[in-house]
Amino acid sequence: ELSSGAHFIGLVNQDTPVVSFKMAFLGGSRLEKDDQEGITEALSRSWVSNTKNLSEPQILARLDELAAGISAFGGRNTMGLTLTSLSPYLEDVMGLFSEVILEPVFKENVVRREVTQMQEQLKNRKDNPAQICIRNFSKTMFENHPYRLDPLGNENTLRKFNADLIQNYLQEHITGKQLTIVGVGDFDFEESCKYFDRLTTQLPDRILKS
């Protein structure tokens, strides 16, 4: 357990010079309200785009130079970030990883681009009987539970999403306490503990109700 209250689990394997970290916060559709349906998906699609100091093209170019990957995810119970890097470049990649976590900036054009893709997916799903069946099953099975909400949102909520709304949602739900980090691969366990300890102590110190 780190000083922030976060948990770090690591498995060192030096067979190949590759390392992967996953940082998962409590979140996902379980914490969405009815008027926020789909916001976790919109967040995960637009999170790794801009930071205080870097634009989306600059981030992508830097990741390409380092042969690394940083991506966001969101599900029913969690949301977070994943990092994959060659171990010789890990220090540089983790610097970029810190910036994406601590200083993300959501641009209106990026959010609108991703929301438009979600709207198209909703339209296309109407032609898929299996997907319609799954959605009806979820709404019936979880009638009074947030799991009834559609991860892709609905036409009404998607129209309301904007950069400020998603930025605020992230800031309200990110915390250094209810956070689990897992690392696998060729990395120094003690140094990684120190890095994530410094990183997570800069996150808000609060407990979210699940």
C-alpha atoms as a PDB file:
ATOM      1  CA  GLU A   1       0.000   0.000   0.000  1.00  0.00           C
ATOM      2  CA  LEU A   2       1.308   3.440  -0.970  1.00  0.00           C
ATOM      3  CA  SER A   3       1.221   6.452   1.335  1.00  0.00           C
ATOM      4  CA  SER A   4      -1.767   7.853  -0.581  1.00  0.00           C
ATOM      5  CA  GLY A   5      -3.821   4.750   0.205  1.00  0.00           C
ATOM      6  CA  ALA A   6      -3.501   3.381  -3.331  1.00  0.00           C
ATOM      7  CA  HIS A   7      -2.394  -0.211  -3.868  1.00  0.00           C
ATOM      8  CA  PHE A   8       0.471  -1.223  -6.136  1.00  0.00           C
ATOM      9  CA  ILE A   9       0.866  -4.820  -7.303  1.00  0.00           C
ATOM     10  CA  GLY A  10       3.913  -5.732  -9.344  1.00  0.00           C
ATOM     11  CA  LEU A  11       5.232  -8.828 -11.075  1.00  0.00           C
ATOM     12  CA  VAL A  12       8.785  -8.409 -12.372  1.00  0.00           C
ATOM     13  CA  ASN A  13       9.661 -10.501 -15.413  1.00  0.00           C
ATOM     14  CA  GLN A  14      12.846  -9.680 -17.292  1.00  0.00           C
ATOM     15  CA  ASP A  15      12.473 -12.246 -20.075  1.00  0.00           C
ATOM     16  CA  THR A  16      11.734  -9.435 -22.527  1.00  0.00           C
ATOM     17  CA  PRO A  17      12.427  -5.656 -22.211  1.00  0.00           C
ATOM     18  CA  VAL A  18       8.760  -4.706 -22.053  1.00  0.00           C
ATOM     19  CA  VAL A  19       6.669  -3.362 -19.184  1.00  0.00           C
ATOM     20  CA  SER A  20       2.984  -2.638 -18.771  1.00  0.00           C
ATOM     21  CA  PHE A  21       1.160  -0.717 -16.030  1.00  0.00           C
ATOM     22  CA  LYS A  22      -2.577  -0.368 -15.504  1.00  0.00           C
ATOM     23  CA  MET A  23      -4.031   2.252 -13.162  1.00  0.00           C
ATOM     24  CA  ALA A  24      -7.679   1.682 -12.259  1.00  0.00           C
ATOM     25  CA  PHE A  25      -9.886   4.131 -10.372  1.00  0.00           C
ATOM     26  CA  LEU A  26     -13.280   3.372  -8.898  1.00  0.00           C
ATOM     27  CA  GLY A  27     -15.766   4.610 -11.466  1.00  0.00           C
ATOM     28  CA  GLY A  28     -17.477   3.431 -14.606  1.00  0.00           C
ATOM     29  CA  SER A  29     -21.201   3.245 -15.341  1.00  0.00           C
ATOM     30  CA  ARG A  30     -21.826   2.170 -11.751  1.00  0.00           C
ATOM     31  CA  LEU A  31     -21.258   5.783 -10.635  1.00  0.00           C
ATOM     32  CA  GLU A  32     -23.077   7.440 -13.523  1.00  0.00           C
ATOM     33  CA  LYS A  33     -26.341   9.272 -12.951  1.00  0.00           C
ATOM     34  CA  ASP A  34     -29.204   9.046 -15.434  1.00  0.00           C
ATOM     35  CA  ASP A  35     -28.296  12.389 -17.023  1.00  0.00           C
ATOM     36  CA  GLN A  36     -24.650  11.239 -17.338  1.00  0.00           C
ATOM     37  CA  GLU A  37     -25.363   8.004 -19.206  1.00  0.00           C
ATOM     38  CA  GLY A  38     -22.360   7.238 -21.417  1.00  0.00           C
ATOM     39  CA  ILE A  39     -19.993   9.787 -19.900  1.00  0.00           C
ATOM     40  CA  THR A  40     -17.445   7.149 -18.828  1.00  0.00           C
ATOM     41  CA  GLU A  41     -17.151   5.973 -22.417  1.00  0.00           C
ATOM     42  CA  ALA A  42     -16.818   9.548 -23.691  1.00  0.00           C
ATOM     43  CA  LEU A  43     -14.164  10.217 -21.055  1.00  0.00           C
ATOM     44  CA  SER A  44     -12.113   7.139 -21.890  1.00  0.00           C
ATOM     45  CA  ARG A  45     -12.182   8.002 -25.602  1.00  0.00           C
ATOM     46  CA  SER A  46     -10.983  11.577 -25.131  1.00  0.00           C
ATOM     47  CA  TRP A  47      -8.723  11.394 -22.054  1.00  0.00           C
ATOM     48  CA  VAL A  48      -5.398  10.744 -23.804  1.00  0.00           C
ATOM     49  CA  SER A  49      -5.597  13.675 -26.193  1.00  0.00           C
ATOM     50  CA  ASN A  50      -4.303  16.939 -24.746  1.00  0.00           C
ATOM     51  CA  THR A  51      -2.498  18.057 -21.603  1.00  0.00           C
ATOM     52  CA  LYS A  52      -1.597  21.435 -20.178  1.00  0.00           C
ATOM     53  CA  ASN A  53       1.650  21.469 -22.151  1.00  0.00           C
ATOM     54  CA  LEU A  54       1.082  19.061 -25.042  1.00  0.00           C
ATOM     55  CA  SER A  55      -1.388  18.841 -27.904  1.00  0.00           C
ATOM     56  CA  GLU A  56      -2.860  15.595 -29.191  1.00  0.00           C
ATOM     57  CA  PRO A  57      -0.461  15.432 -32.192  1.00  0.00           C
ATOM     58  CA  GLN A  58       2.497  16.081 -29.890  1.00  0.00           C
ATOM     59  CA  ILE A  59       1.460  13.292 -27.515  1.00  0.00           C
ATOM     60  CA  LEU A  60       0.981  10.849 -30.370  1.00  0.00           C
ATOM     61  CA  ALA A  61       4.306  11.811 -31.932  1.00  0.00           C
ATOM     62  CA  ARG A  62       6.117  11.398 -28.622  1.00  0.00           C
ATOM     63  CA  LEU A  63       4.578   7.980 -28.033  1.00  0.00           C
ATOM     64  CA  ASP A  64       5.548   6.973 -31.550  1.00  0.00           C
ATOM     65  CA  GLU A  65       9.143   8.066 -30.946  1.00  0.00           C
ATOM     66  CA  LEU A  66       9.304   5.994 -27.767  1.00  0.00           C
ATOM     67  CA  ALA A  67       7.500   2.976 -29.290  1.00  0.00           C
ATOM     68  CA  ALA A  68       5.084   3.196 -26.362  1.00  0.00           C
ATOM     69  CA  GLY A  69       1.367   3.319 -25.750  1.00  0.00           C
ATOM     70  CA  ILE A  70      -0.858   5.155 -23.289  1.00  0.00           C
ATOM     71  CA  SER A  71      -4.599   4.536 -23.483  1.00  0.00           C
ATOM     72  CA  ALA A  72      -7.672   5.054 -21.332  1.00  0.00           C
ATOM     73  CA  PHE A  73     -10.429   2.610 -20.473  1.00  0.00           C
ATOM     74  CA  GLY A  74     -13.804   2.683 -18.777  1.00  0.00           C
ATOM     75  CA  GLY A  75     -16.169  -0.092 -17.800  1.00  0.00           C
ATOM     76  CA  ARG A  76     -18.962  -0.839 -15.369  1.00  0.00           C
ATOM     77  CA  ASN A  77     -16.877  -0.481 -12.198  1.00  0.00           C
ATOM     78  CA  THR A  78     -13.599   1.180 -13.108  1.00  0.00           C
ATOM     79  CA  MET A  79     -11.925   3.734 -15.305  1.00  0.00           C
ATOM     80  CA  GLY A  80      -8.273   4.458 -15.771  1.00  0.00           C
ATOM     81  CA  LEU A  81      -5.150   4.399 -17.881  1.00  0.00           C
ATOM     82  CA  THR A  82      -2.830   1.775 -19.317  1.00  0.00           C
ATOM     83  CA  LEU A  83       0.846   2.244 -20.167  1.00  0.00           C
ATOM     84  CA  THR A  84       3.011  -0.055 -22.272  1.00  0.00           C
ATOM     85  CA  SER A  85       6.690   0.667 -22.898  1.00  0.00           C
ATOM     86  CA  LEU A  86      10.041  -0.792 -23.765  1.00  0.00           C
ATOM     87  CA  SER A  87      11.977  -0.809 -20.504  1.00  0.00           C
ATOM     88  CA  PRO A  88      14.903   1.359 -21.768  1.00  0.00           C
ATOM     89  CA  TYR A  89      12.428   4.200 -22.438  1.00  0.00           C
ATOM     90  CA  LEU A  90      10.265   3.703 -19.368  1.00  0.00           C
ATOM     91  CA  GLU A  91      11.409   6.814 -17.516  1.00  0.00           C
ATOM     92  CA  ASP A  92      10.477   9.081 -20.418  1.00  0.00           C
ATOM     93  CA  VAL A  93       7.144   7.349 -20.946  1.00  0.00           C
ATOM     94  CA  MET A  94       6.274   7.616 -17.255  1.00  0.00           C
ATOM     95  CA  GLY A  95       6.927  11.345 -17.408  1.00  0.00           C
ATOM     96  CA  LEU A  96       4.329  11.609 -20.140  1.00  0.00           C
ATOM     97  CA  PHE A  97       2.026   9.273 -18.198  1.00  0.00           C
ATOM     98  CA  SER A  98       2.188  11.636 -15.207  1.00  0.00           C
ATOM     99  CA  GLU A  99       1.198  14.579 -17.352  1.00  0.00           C
ATOM    100  CA  VAL A 100      -1.793  12.728 -18.810  1.00  0.00           C
ATOM    101  CA  ILE A 101      -3.026  11.881 -15.303  1.00  0.00           C
ATOM    102  CA  LEU A 102      -2.289  15.129 -13.501  1.00  0.00           C
ATOM    103  CA  GLU A 103      -2.808  17.751 -16.211  1.00  0.00           C
ATOM    104  CA  PRO A 104      -5.331  16.459 -18.766  1.00  0.00           C
ATOM    105  CA  VAL A 105      -7.107  19.004 -20.937  1.00  0.00           C
ATOM    106  CA  PHE A 106     -10.279  18.155 -22.837  1.00  0.00           C
ATOM    107  CA  LYS A 107     -10.705  20.082 -26.086  1.00  0.00           C
ATOM    108  CA  GLU A 108     -14.154  20.649 -27.533  1.00  0.00           C
ATOM    109  CA  ASN A 109     -13.192  19.369 -30.991  1.00  0.00           C
ATOM    110  CA  VAL A 110     -11.843  16.101 -29.551  1.00  0.00           C
ATOM    111  CA  VAL A 111     -14.902  15.502 -27.359  1.00  0.00           C
ATOM    112  CA  ARG A 112     -17.257  16.271 -30.248  1.00  0.00           C
ATOM    113  CA  ARG A 113     -15.324  13.909 -32.530  1.00  0.00           C
ATOM    114  CA  GLU A 114     -15.578  11.030 -30.067  1.00  0.00           C
ATOM    115  CA  VAL A 115     -19.203  11.715 -29.164  1.00  0.00           C
ATOM    116  CA  THR A 116     -20.100  11.742 -32.870  1.00  0.00           C
ATOM    117  CA  GLN A 117     -18.572   8.269 -33.206  1.00  0.00           C
ATOM    118  CA  MET A 118     -20.637   7.091 -30.224  1.00  0.00           C
ATOM    119  CA  GLN A 119     -23.778   8.485 -31.831  1.00  0.00           C
ATOM    120  CA  GLU A 120     -22.988   6.575 -35.022  1.00  0.00           C
ATOM    121  CA  GLN A 121     -22.490   3.369 -33.029  1.00  0.00           C
ATOM    122  CA  LEU A 122     -25.893   3.837 -31.406  1.00  0.00           C
ATOM    123  CA  LYS A 123     -27.516   4.230 -34.826  1.00  0.00           C
ATOM    124  CA  ASN A 124     -25.754   1.184 -36.257  1.00  0.00           C
ATOM    125  CA  ARG A 125     -26.712  -0.936 -33.262  1.00  0.00           C
ATOM    126  CA  LYS A 126     -30.382  -0.584 -34.174  1.00  0.00           C
ATOM    127  CA  ASP A 127     -29.666  -2.961 -37.067  1.00  0.00           C
ATOM    128  CA  ASN A 128     -28.163  -5.596 -34.770  1.00  0.00           C
ATOM    129  CA  PRO A 129     -30.842  -7.793 -33.119  1.00  0.00           C
ATOM    130  CA  ALA A 130     -28.359  -9.354 -30.711  1.00  0.00           C
ATOM    131  CA  GLN A 131     -27.291  -5.954 -29.374  1.00  0.00           C
ATOM    132  CA  ILE A 132     -30.913  -4.882 -28.984  1.00  0.00           C
ATOM    133  CA  CYS A 133     -31.593  -8.075 -27.025  1.00  0.00           C
ATOM    134  CA  ILE A 134     -28.614  -7.472 -24.728  1.00  0.00           C
ATOM    135  CA  ARG A 135     -29.712  -3.900 -24.012  1.00  0.00           C
ATOM    136  CA  ASN A 136     -33.281  -4.962 -23.200  1.00  0.00           C
ATOM    137  CA  PHE A 137     -31.964  -7.726 -20.954  1.00  0.00           C
ATOM    138  CA  SER A 138     -29.780  -5.252 -19.020  1.00  0.00           C
ATOM    139  CA  LYS A 139     -32.626  -2.779 -18.564  1.00  0.00           C
ATOM    140  CA  THR A 140     -34.895  -5.539 -17.276  1.00  0.00           C
ATOM    141  CA  MET A 141     -32.351  -7.329 -15.082  1.00  0.00           C
ATOM    142  CA  PHE A 142     -30.941  -4.159 -13.501  1.00  0.00           C
ATOM    143  CA  GLU A 143     -34.130  -2.113 -13.412  1.00  0.00           C
ATOM    144  CA  ASN A 144     -33.165  -0.071 -10.337  1.00  0.00           C
ATOM    145  CA  HIS A 145     -29.377  -0.266 -10.656  1.00  0.00           C
ATOM    146  CA  PRO A 146     -26.927   1.863 -12.678  1.00  0.00           C
ATOM    147  CA  TYR A 147     -25.981  -1.246 -14.669  1.00  0.00           C
ATOM    148  CA  ARG A 148     -29.198  -0.674 -16.613  1.00  0.00           C
ATOM    149  CA  LEU A 149     -27.552   2.371 -18.224  1.00  0.00           C
ATOM    150  CA  ASP A 150     -26.094   2.033 -21.691  1.00  0.00           C
ATOM    151  CA  PRO A 151     -22.278   2.438 -21.757  1.00  0.00           C
ATOM    152  CA  LEU A 152     -22.700   4.249 -25.085  1.00  0.00           C
ATOM    153  CA  GLY A 153     -25.191   6.690 -23.594  1.00  0.00           C
ATOM    154  CA  ASN A 154     -28.357   7.796 -25.320  1.00  0.00           C
ATOM    155  CA  GLU A 155     -29.286  10.477 -27.826  1.00  0.00           C
ATOM    156  CA  ASN A 156     -30.268  12.983 -25.127  1.00  0.00           C
ATOM    157  CA  THR A 157     -27.175  12.663 -22.929  1.00  0.00           C
ATOM    158  CA  LEU A 158     -24.718  12.556 -25.837  1.00  0.00           C
ATOM    159  CA  ARG A 159     -26.048  15.863 -27.164  1.00  0.00           C
ATOM    160  CA  LYS A 160     -25.230  17.502 -23.816  1.00  0.00           C
ATOM    161  CA  PHE A 161     -21.657  16.263 -23.468  1.00  0.00           C
ATOM    162  CA  ASN A 162     -18.938  18.882 -23.835  1.00  0.00           C
ATOM    163  CA  ALA A 163     -15.325  19.391 -22.809  1.00  0.00           C
ATOM    164  CA  ASP A 164     -16.112  21.149 -19.518  1.00  0.00           C
ATOM    165  CA  LEU A 165     -18.608  18.485 -18.451  1.00  0.00           C
ATOM    166  CA  ILE A 166     -16.161  15.641 -19.039  1.00  0.00           C
ATOM    167  CA  GLN A 167     -13.254  17.521 -17.443  1.00  0.00           C
ATOM    168  CA  ASN A 168     -15.352  18.144 -14.319  1.00  0.00           C
ATOM    169  CA  TYR A 169     -16.547  14.538 -14.210  1.00  0.00           C
ATOM    170  CA  LEU A 170     -12.959  13.292 -14.218  1.00  0.00           C
ATOM    171  CA  GLN A 171     -11.873  15.735 -11.527  1.00  0.00           C
ATOM    172  CA  GLU A 172     -14.821  14.727  -9.325  1.00  0.00           C
ATOM    173  CA  HIS A 173     -14.054  10.999  -9.566  1.00  0.00           C
ATOM    174  CA  ILE A 174     -10.278  10.735  -9.633  1.00  0.00           C
ATOM    175  CA  THR A 175      -8.723   9.940  -6.247  1.00  0.00           C
ATOM    176  CA  GLY A 176      -5.437   8.757  -4.816  1.00  0.00           C
ATOM    177  CA  LYS A 177      -7.145   6.420  -2.347  1.00  0.00           C
ATOM    178  CA  GLN A 178      -9.509   4.131  -4.230  1.00  0.00           C
ATOM    179  CA  LEU A 179      -6.920   3.274  -6.816  1.00  0.00           C
ATOM    180  CA  THR A 180      -5.173   0.054  -7.798  1.00  0.00           C
ATOM    181  CA  ILE A 181      -2.043  -0.055  -9.963  1.00  0.00           C
ATOM    182  CA  VAL A 182      -0.718  -3.251 -11.488  1.00  0.00           C
ATOM    183  CA  GLY A 183       2.644  -3.607 -13.212  1.00  0.00           C
ATOM    184  CA  VAL A 184       4.062  -6.550 -15.147  1.00  0.00           C
ATOM    185  CA  GLY A 185       7.344  -6.900 -16.993  1.00  0.00           C
ATOM    186  CA  ASP A 186      10.893  -5.619 -16.936  1.00  0.00           C
ATOM    187  CA  PHE A 187      10.888  -2.849 -14.313  1.00  0.00           C
ATOM    188  CA  ASP A 188      12.457  -1.968 -10.971  1.00  0.00           C
ATOM    189  CA  PHE A 189       9.823  -2.665  -8.330  1.00  0.00           C
ATOM    190  CA  GLU A 190      11.207  -0.297  -5.678  1.00  0.00           C
ATOM    191  CA  GLU A 191      11.687   2.590  -8.110  1.00  0.00           C
ATOM    192  CA  SER A 192       8.191   2.093  -9.478  1.00  0.00           C
ATOM    193  CA  CYS A 193       6.771   2.164  -5.944  1.00  0.00           C
ATOM    194  CA  LYS A 194       8.489   5.513  -5.379  1.00  0.00           C
ATOM    195  CA  TYR A 195       7.206   6.897  -8.679  1.00  0.00           C
ATOM    196  CA  PHE A 196       3.585   5.879  -8.069  1.00  0.00           C
ATOM    197  CA  ASP A 197       3.788   7.072  -4.478  1.00  0.00           C
ATOM    198  CA  ARG A 198       4.811  10.541  -5.666  1.00  0.00           C
ATOM    199  CA  LEU A 199       2.185  10.480  -8.380  1.00  0.00           C
ATOM    200  CA  THR A 200      -0.793   9.351  -6.311  1.00  0.00           C
ATOM    201  CA  THR A 201      -0.098  11.780  -3.454  1.00  0.00           C
ATOM    202  CA  GLN A 202      -0.752  14.571  -5.975  1.00  0.00           C
ATOM    203  CA  LEU A 203      -4.259  13.253  -6.619  1.00  0.00           C
ATOM    204  CA  PRO A 204      -7.291  14.319  -4.523  1.00  0.00           C
ATOM    205  CA  ASP A 205      -7.494  12.650  -1.122  1.00  0.00           C
ATOM    206  CA  ARG A 206     -11.110  11.491  -0.875  1.00  0.00           C
ATOM    207  CA  ILE A 207     -13.365   8.457  -0.695  1.00  0.00           C
ATOM    208  CA  LEU A 208     -16.019   7.910  -3.340  1.00  0.00           C
ATOM    209  CA  LYS A 209     -19.262   6.112  -2.569  1.00  0.00           C
ATOM    210  CA  SER A 210     -19.732   3.100  -4.806  1.00  0.00           C
END
